[in-house]
N, C-alpha and C. Protein backbone atom coordinates (compact mmCIF):
# COMPACT_ATOMS: atom_id res chain seq x y z
N MET A 1 0.66 -1.18 -0.17
CA MET A 1 0.00 -0.14 0.00
C MET A 1 1.06 1.08 -0.02
N LYS A 2 0.54 2.38 -0.87
CA LYS A 2 1.16 3.43 -0.95
C LYS A 2 0.30 4.69 -0.73
N LEU A 3 0.69 5.64 0.14
CA LEU A 3 -0.23 7.06 0.41
C LEU A 3 -0.10 7.70 -1.00
N ILE A 4 -0.96 8.30 -1.67
CA ILE A 4 -0.96 8.89 -3.23
C ILE A 4 -1.43 10.47 -2.80
N ASN A 5 -2.40 10.34 -1.66
CA ASN A 5 -2.91 12.01 -2.05
C ASN A 5 -3.46 12.48 -0.17
N LEU A 6 -3.08 13.67 0.13
CA LEU A 6 -3.53 13.76 1.35
C LEU A 6 -4.05 15.21 0.92
N ARG A 7 -5.70 15.40 1.56
CA ARG A 7 -6.22 16.72 1.32
C ARG A 7 -6.66 17.29 2.49
N LEU A 8 -6.46 18.49 2.49
CA LEU A 8 -7.26 19.36 4.03
C LEU A 8 -7.94 20.37 3.69
N GLY A 9 -9.16 20.36 4.37
CA GLY A 9 -10.09 21.65 4.02
C GLY A 9 -9.66 22.73 4.60
N THR A 10 -10.22 23.68 3.65
CA THR A 10 -9.69 25.19 4.25
C THR A 10 -10.66 26.24 4.11
N ASN A 11 -10.80 27.08 4.76
CA ASN A 11 -12.02 28.45 4.80
C ASN A 11 -11.35 29.57 3.74
N ASP A 12 -10.25 29.31 3.69
CA ASP A 12 -9.18 30.78 2.83
C ASP A 12 -8.78 30.46 1.87
N LEU A 13 -8.69 30.08 0.81
CA LEU A 13 -7.73 29.20 -0.02
C LEU A 13 -6.16 30.34 -0.27
N ALA A 14 -6.41 31.39 -0.37
CA ALA A 14 -5.62 32.42 -0.56
C ALA A 14 -4.46 32.29 0.87
N LYS A 15 -5.17 32.21 1.92
CA LYS A 15 -4.44 32.27 3.33
C LYS A 15 -3.58 30.88 3.20
N ALA A 16 -4.45 29.90 3.19
CA ALA A 16 -3.74 28.54 3.10
C ALA A 16 -2.74 28.69 1.88
N ARG A 17 -2.66 29.17 0.58
CA ARG A 17 -1.46 28.81 -0.20
C ARG A 17 -0.41 29.75 0.36
N ALA A 18 -0.56 30.90 0.99
CA ALA A 18 0.64 31.62 1.38
C ALA A 18 0.91 30.82 2.67
N PHE A 19 0.38 30.57 3.67
CA PHE A 19 1.07 29.71 4.37
C PHE A 19 1.83 28.24 4.02
N TYR A 20 1.44 27.53 2.99
CA TYR A 20 2.04 26.68 2.82
C TYR A 20 3.23 26.96 1.55
N ASP A 21 2.87 27.76 0.43
CA ASP A 21 4.24 28.24 0.04
C ASP A 21 5.27 28.41 0.90
N ALA A 22 4.93 29.17 1.88
CA ALA A 22 6.10 29.79 3.00
C ALA A 22 6.64 28.70 3.67
N THR A 23 5.75 27.52 4.46
CA THR A 23 6.15 26.70 5.34
C THR A 23 7.13 25.53 4.42
N PHE A 24 6.25 25.10 3.20
CA PHE A 24 6.92 24.17 2.44
C PHE A 24 8.23 24.89 1.56
N GLY A 25 8.30 26.00 1.37
CA GLY A 25 9.31 26.86 0.96
C GLY A 25 10.76 26.91 1.85
N ALA A 26 10.50 26.74 3.51
CA ALA A 26 11.22 26.61 3.99
C ALA A 26 12.11 25.19 4.23
N LEU A 27 11.26 24.19 4.00
CA LEU A 27 11.87 22.86 3.72
C LEU A 27 12.17 22.38 2.25
N GLY A 28 12.30 23.43 1.34
CA GLY A 28 12.91 23.37 -0.06
C GLY A 28 11.88 23.05 -1.23
N LEU A 29 10.54 23.01 -0.68
CA LEU A 29 9.71 22.81 -1.87
C LEU A 29 9.44 23.92 -2.66
N PRO A 30 9.34 24.05 -3.96
CA PRO A 30 8.91 25.12 -4.69
C PRO A 30 7.53 25.95 -4.44
N PRO A 31 6.98 26.91 -4.48
CA PRO A 31 5.87 27.42 -4.69
C PRO A 31 4.73 26.62 -5.32
N SER A 32 3.45 26.41 -4.97
CA SER A 32 2.55 25.49 -5.66
C SER A 32 2.34 26.35 -7.08
N ALA A 33 2.31 25.02 -7.95
CA ALA A 33 2.09 25.41 -9.28
C ALA A 33 0.62 25.73 -9.97
N THR A 34 -0.30 25.59 -9.08
CA THR A 34 -1.50 25.51 -8.98
C THR A 34 -1.83 26.97 -9.41
N PRO A 35 -2.75 27.09 -10.72
CA PRO A 35 -2.97 28.41 -10.82
C PRO A 35 -3.89 28.81 -9.88
N GLN A 36 -3.96 30.55 -9.67
CA GLN A 36 -4.06 31.19 -8.85
C GLN A 36 -6.04 31.11 -8.58
N ASP A 37 -6.61 31.02 -9.94
CA ASP A 37 -7.94 30.82 -9.95
C ASP A 37 -8.64 29.44 -9.83
N SER A 38 -7.58 28.45 -9.15
CA SER A 38 -8.23 27.14 -9.29
C SER A 38 -8.92 27.31 -8.14
N PRO A 39 -10.01 26.25 -7.77
CA PRO A 39 -10.75 25.86 -6.67
C PRO A 39 -9.94 25.23 -5.54
N ARG A 40 -8.92 24.80 -5.93
CA ARG A 40 -7.77 24.11 -4.84
C ARG A 40 -6.25 24.30 -5.01
N VAL A 41 -5.39 24.30 -4.42
CA VAL A 41 -4.13 24.50 -4.24
C VAL A 41 -3.53 23.24 -4.14
N SER A 42 -2.32 22.87 -4.69
CA SER A 42 -1.55 21.17 -4.11
C SER A 42 -0.32 21.47 -4.57
N TYR A 43 0.28 20.79 -4.10
CA TYR A 43 2.07 20.30 -3.87
C TYR A 43 2.12 18.84 -4.21
N GLN A 44 3.27 18.80 -4.96
CA GLN A 44 3.80 17.24 -5.72
C GLN A 44 5.01 17.08 -4.24
N LEU A 45 4.77 16.67 -3.30
CA LEU A 45 5.73 16.22 -2.21
C LEU A 45 7.15 15.27 -2.99
N ALA A 46 8.23 15.17 -2.58
CA ALA A 46 9.44 14.67 -3.26
C ALA A 46 9.05 12.85 -3.30
N ASP A 47 8.50 12.71 -2.17
CA ASP A 47 8.19 10.88 -2.42
C ASP A 47 7.19 10.40 -3.22
N GLY A 48 6.40 11.68 -4.00
CA GLY A 48 5.34 11.27 -4.75
C GLY A 48 3.77 11.52 -4.37
N VAL A 49 3.77 11.98 -2.93
CA VAL A 49 2.57 11.95 -2.53
C VAL A 49 1.95 13.61 -2.95
N HIS A 50 0.99 13.65 -2.96
CA HIS A 50 0.00 14.65 -3.52
C HIS A 50 -0.54 15.30 -2.31
N PHE A 51 -0.40 16.65 -1.83
CA PHE A 51 -0.96 17.00 -0.75
C PHE A 51 -1.65 18.50 -1.32
N ALA A 52 -2.93 18.41 -1.08
CA ALA A 52 -4.14 19.57 -1.40
C ALA A 52 -4.79 19.99 -0.39
N LEU A 53 -5.18 21.32 -0.99
CA LEU A 53 -5.91 22.08 -0.08
C LEU A 53 -7.23 22.75 -0.84
N ALA A 54 -8.23 22.58 -0.13
CA ALA A 54 -9.43 23.12 -0.78
C ALA A 54 -10.62 23.19 -0.02
N PRO A 55 -11.62 23.95 -0.09
CA PRO A 55 -13.02 24.38 0.94
C PRO A 55 -13.14 22.78 0.62
N ALA A 56 -14.43 22.57 2.09
CA ALA A 56 -14.86 21.15 2.17
C ALA A 56 -16.04 20.77 0.79
N ARG A 57 -16.05 19.81 0.39
CA ARG A 57 -16.94 19.59 -0.71
C ARG A 57 -18.39 19.80 -0.50
N ASP A 58 -18.81 19.66 1.04
CA ASP A 58 -20.28 19.74 1.18
C ASP A 58 -20.52 20.87 1.23
N GLY A 59 -19.61 22.02 1.16
CA GLY A 59 -20.35 23.32 1.55
C GLY A 59 -19.99 23.98 2.50
N ARG A 60 -19.81 23.01 3.71
CA ARG A 60 -19.74 23.58 5.20
C ARG A 60 -18.38 24.21 5.55
N ALA A 61 -18.20 24.57 6.71
CA ALA A 61 -16.68 24.76 7.09
C ALA A 61 -15.93 23.96 7.00
N ALA A 62 -14.77 24.03 6.75
CA ALA A 62 -13.67 23.09 7.19
C ALA A 62 -12.98 23.31 8.42
N THR A 63 -13.19 22.22 9.20
CA THR A 63 -12.58 22.21 10.66
C THR A 63 -11.55 21.32 10.41
N PRO A 64 -10.75 21.30 11.51
CA PRO A 64 -9.25 20.31 11.60
C PRO A 64 -9.82 19.06 12.28
N ALA A 65 -9.15 18.15 12.07
CA ALA A 65 -9.19 17.00 12.98
C ALA A 65 -8.86 16.81 14.17
N ASN A 66 -9.50 16.25 14.89
CA ASN A 66 -9.50 16.40 16.76
C ASN A 66 -8.31 15.07 16.77
N GLY A 67 -7.29 15.60 17.35
CA GLY A 67 -6.27 14.42 17.48
C GLY A 67 -5.27 14.32 16.54
N GLY A 68 -5.81 14.69 15.70
CA GLY A 68 -4.68 14.67 13.86
C GLY A 68 -3.43 15.47 14.21
N THR A 69 -2.51 15.02 13.70
CA THR A 69 -1.24 15.87 13.35
C THR A 69 -0.46 15.33 11.84
N ILE A 70 -0.15 15.85 11.08
CA ILE A 70 0.46 15.81 10.03
C ILE A 70 2.17 15.72 10.41
N LEU A 71 3.00 14.70 10.03
CA LEU A 71 4.56 15.25 10.18
C LEU A 71 5.20 15.19 9.02
N PHE A 72 6.14 16.31 8.90
CA PHE A 72 6.90 16.15 7.42
C PHE A 72 8.39 16.12 8.51
N THR A 73 9.42 15.91 7.50
CA THR A 73 10.43 16.02 7.99
C THR A 73 11.42 16.95 7.37
N ALA A 74 12.51 17.09 8.05
CA ALA A 74 13.61 18.32 7.40
C ALA A 74 14.89 17.91 7.52
N ASP A 75 15.61 18.26 6.59
CA ASP A 75 17.03 18.16 6.48
C ASP A 75 18.37 18.52 7.54
N SER A 76 17.56 19.35 8.42
CA SER A 76 18.47 20.02 9.71
C SER A 76 17.60 20.94 10.64
N ASP A 77 18.32 20.82 11.82
CA ASP A 77 17.56 21.69 12.82
C ASP A 77 17.10 23.02 12.43
N GLU A 78 18.10 23.75 11.46
CA GLU A 78 17.80 25.16 11.00
C GLU A 78 16.69 25.17 10.05
N GLN A 79 16.52 24.09 9.52
CA GLN A 79 15.01 24.07 8.31
C GLN A 79 13.72 23.84 9.17
N VAL A 80 13.91 23.24 10.62
CA VAL A 80 12.91 22.96 11.23
C VAL A 80 12.46 24.21 11.99
N ALA A 81 13.62 25.16 12.19
CA ALA A 81 13.16 26.40 12.81
C ALA A 81 13.00 27.65 11.75
N ALA A 82 13.22 27.22 10.61
CA ALA A 82 12.74 27.84 9.48
C ALA A 82 11.37 27.76 8.89
N TRP A 83 11.14 26.56 9.12
CA TRP A 83 9.42 26.09 8.79
C TRP A 83 8.65 27.05 9.85
N HIS A 84 9.21 26.88 10.99
CA HIS A 84 8.11 27.08 12.10
C HIS A 84 8.31 28.81 11.96
N ALA A 85 9.19 29.63 11.73
CA ALA A 85 9.14 31.09 11.68
C ALA A 85 8.25 31.39 10.48
N ALA A 86 8.40 30.88 9.32
CA ALA A 86 7.80 30.97 8.23
C ALA A 86 5.92 30.68 8.45
N GLY A 87 5.90 29.65 9.13
CA GLY A 87 4.42 29.48 9.61
C GLY A 87 3.82 30.55 10.77
N LEU A 88 4.71 30.90 11.31
CA LEU A 88 4.15 31.89 12.46
C LEU A 88 4.23 33.37 11.45
N ALA A 89 4.64 33.82 10.48
CA ALA A 89 4.95 34.94 9.88
C ALA A 89 3.54 34.89 8.83
N ASN A 90 2.86 33.86 8.12
CA ASN A 90 2.06 33.49 7.54
C ASN A 90 0.78 33.21 8.06
N GLY A 91 0.34 33.54 9.15
CA GLY A 91 -1.05 33.09 9.57
C GLY A 91 -1.06 31.70 10.93
N GLY A 92 -0.04 31.15 11.15
CA GLY A 92 0.13 29.84 11.56
C GLY A 92 0.11 30.45 13.14
N THR A 93 -0.12 29.17 13.98
CA THR A 93 -0.04 29.47 15.51
C THR A 93 0.74 28.47 16.25
N CYS A 94 1.57 28.53 17.12
CA CYS A 94 2.49 27.74 17.55
C CYS A 94 2.01 27.06 18.55
N GLU A 95 2.12 25.47 18.19
CA GLU A 95 1.89 24.48 19.07
C GLU A 95 2.92 23.86 20.04
N GLY A 96 4.13 24.28 19.78
CA GLY A 96 5.39 23.68 20.13
C GLY A 96 6.54 24.20 19.47
N PRO A 97 7.25 24.89 20.11
CA PRO A 97 8.71 25.61 19.78
C PRO A 97 9.72 24.64 19.12
N PRO A 98 10.57 25.19 18.06
CA PRO A 98 11.52 24.46 17.78
C PRO A 98 12.52 23.79 18.61
N GLU A 99 12.87 22.71 19.12
CA GLU A 99 13.40 22.17 20.29
C GLU A 99 13.50 20.73 20.20
N PRO A 100 14.30 20.30 20.90
CA PRO A 100 14.79 18.91 21.11
C PRO A 100 13.35 18.31 21.94
N LYS A 101 12.55 17.29 21.37
CA LYS A 101 11.34 16.97 21.93
C LYS A 101 11.72 15.69 22.55
N PRO A 102 11.11 15.75 23.75
CA PRO A 102 11.30 14.59 25.01
C PRO A 102 10.69 13.05 24.40
N GLN A 103 9.14 13.40 23.71
CA GLN A 103 8.61 12.39 23.17
C GLN A 103 9.16 11.41 22.07
N THR A 104 10.18 12.05 21.24
CA THR A 104 10.91 11.26 20.19
C THR A 104 12.47 11.22 20.45
N GLY A 105 12.86 11.04 22.05
CA GLY A 105 14.11 11.09 22.45
C GLY A 105 15.02 11.97 22.36
N GLY A 106 14.78 13.35 22.11
CA GLY A 106 15.32 14.45 21.88
C GLY A 106 15.43 14.85 20.56
N LYS A 107 14.86 14.25 19.55
CA LYS A 107 14.89 14.67 17.78
C LYS A 107 14.54 15.75 17.84
N PHE A 108 14.96 17.02 17.27
CA PHE A 108 14.64 18.28 17.15
C PHE A 108 13.34 18.67 16.30
N GLY A 109 12.30 19.19 17.09
CA GLY A 109 11.24 19.28 16.06
C GLY A 109 10.39 20.58 16.33
N ALA A 110 9.34 20.88 15.52
CA ALA A 110 8.33 22.03 15.89
C ALA A 110 6.89 21.60 15.69
N TYR A 111 6.05 22.39 16.21
CA TYR A 111 4.38 22.14 15.87
C TYR A 111 3.88 23.55 15.56
N LEU A 112 2.78 23.28 14.75
CA LEU A 112 2.08 24.52 14.30
C LEU A 112 0.62 24.10 14.12
N ARG A 113 -0.13 25.16 14.18
CA ARG A 113 -1.61 24.99 13.41
C ARG A 113 -1.55 26.06 12.33
N ASP A 114 -2.04 25.44 11.09
CA ASP A 114 -2.44 26.10 9.98
C ASP A 114 -3.07 27.19 10.27
N PRO A 115 -3.56 27.98 9.05
CA PRO A 115 -4.58 29.18 9.36
C PRO A 115 -5.94 28.30 9.81
N ASP A 116 -6.65 27.35 9.11
CA ASP A 116 -7.45 26.64 9.49
C ASP A 116 -7.28 25.56 10.85
N GLY A 117 -6.27 25.57 11.17
CA GLY A 117 -6.82 24.95 12.45
C GLY A 117 -5.80 23.68 12.38
N ASN A 118 -5.19 22.91 11.40
CA ASN A 118 -5.02 21.78 11.13
C ASN A 118 -3.26 21.65 12.23
N LYS A 119 -3.18 20.73 12.77
CA LYS A 119 -2.16 20.43 13.09
C LYS A 119 -0.78 19.78 12.56
N LEU A 120 0.04 20.61 12.49
CA LEU A 120 1.50 20.00 12.09
C LEU A 120 2.51 19.73 12.66
N SER A 121 3.52 19.27 12.10
CA SER A 121 4.96 19.17 13.04
C SER A 121 5.75 18.72 11.72
N VAL A 122 7.29 19.29 12.18
CA VAL A 122 8.30 18.92 11.25
C VAL A 122 9.40 18.55 12.10
N TYR A 123 10.04 17.49 11.90
CA TYR A 123 11.25 16.88 12.60
C TYR A 123 12.48 16.74 11.40
N HIS A 124 13.46 16.90 12.46
CA HIS A 124 14.81 16.59 11.79
C HIS A 124 15.45 15.22 12.42
N GLY A 125 15.76 14.12 11.94
CA GLY A 125 16.56 13.02 12.06
C GLY A 125 15.78 12.12 12.67
N LEU A 126 14.09 12.26 12.62
CA LEU A 126 13.00 11.20 13.31
C LEU A 126 12.62 10.37 11.75
N SER A 127 12.90 9.12 12.12
CA SER A 127 12.36 7.98 11.17
C SER A 127 11.13 7.05 11.85
N MET A 128 10.30 7.01 11.01
CA MET A 128 9.03 6.15 11.47
C MET A 128 8.80 4.67 11.45
N GLY A 129 10.20 4.21 10.46
CA GLY A 129 10.42 2.66 10.36
C GLY A 129 11.01 1.89 10.94
């Protein structure tokens, strides 16, 4: 089995694009190539996963998952800190500053909520395998 797509809901596509262009840019990904007038914004991650943001299909407000966290990797502690700073500068809120995290045996990580409240994290040196 392989994950090929991850989609999050957003209530403001322009804010979501600005946030993810900045935070993904800090991790080395180019800005989204999705046209500005598209009803969604998407990114192609290095491992082939398609990451997309769009309003909820049922027309209701998009809400974050209760207990959900999406984790990305970084190439360095500095990249983790740059990701966190870019998120804060683009409408995100801090859920955990860049620092060694005891829950991962001291791996360097940080947590943010995007402008829609989705919880994200980035770690350097963390392996899930």
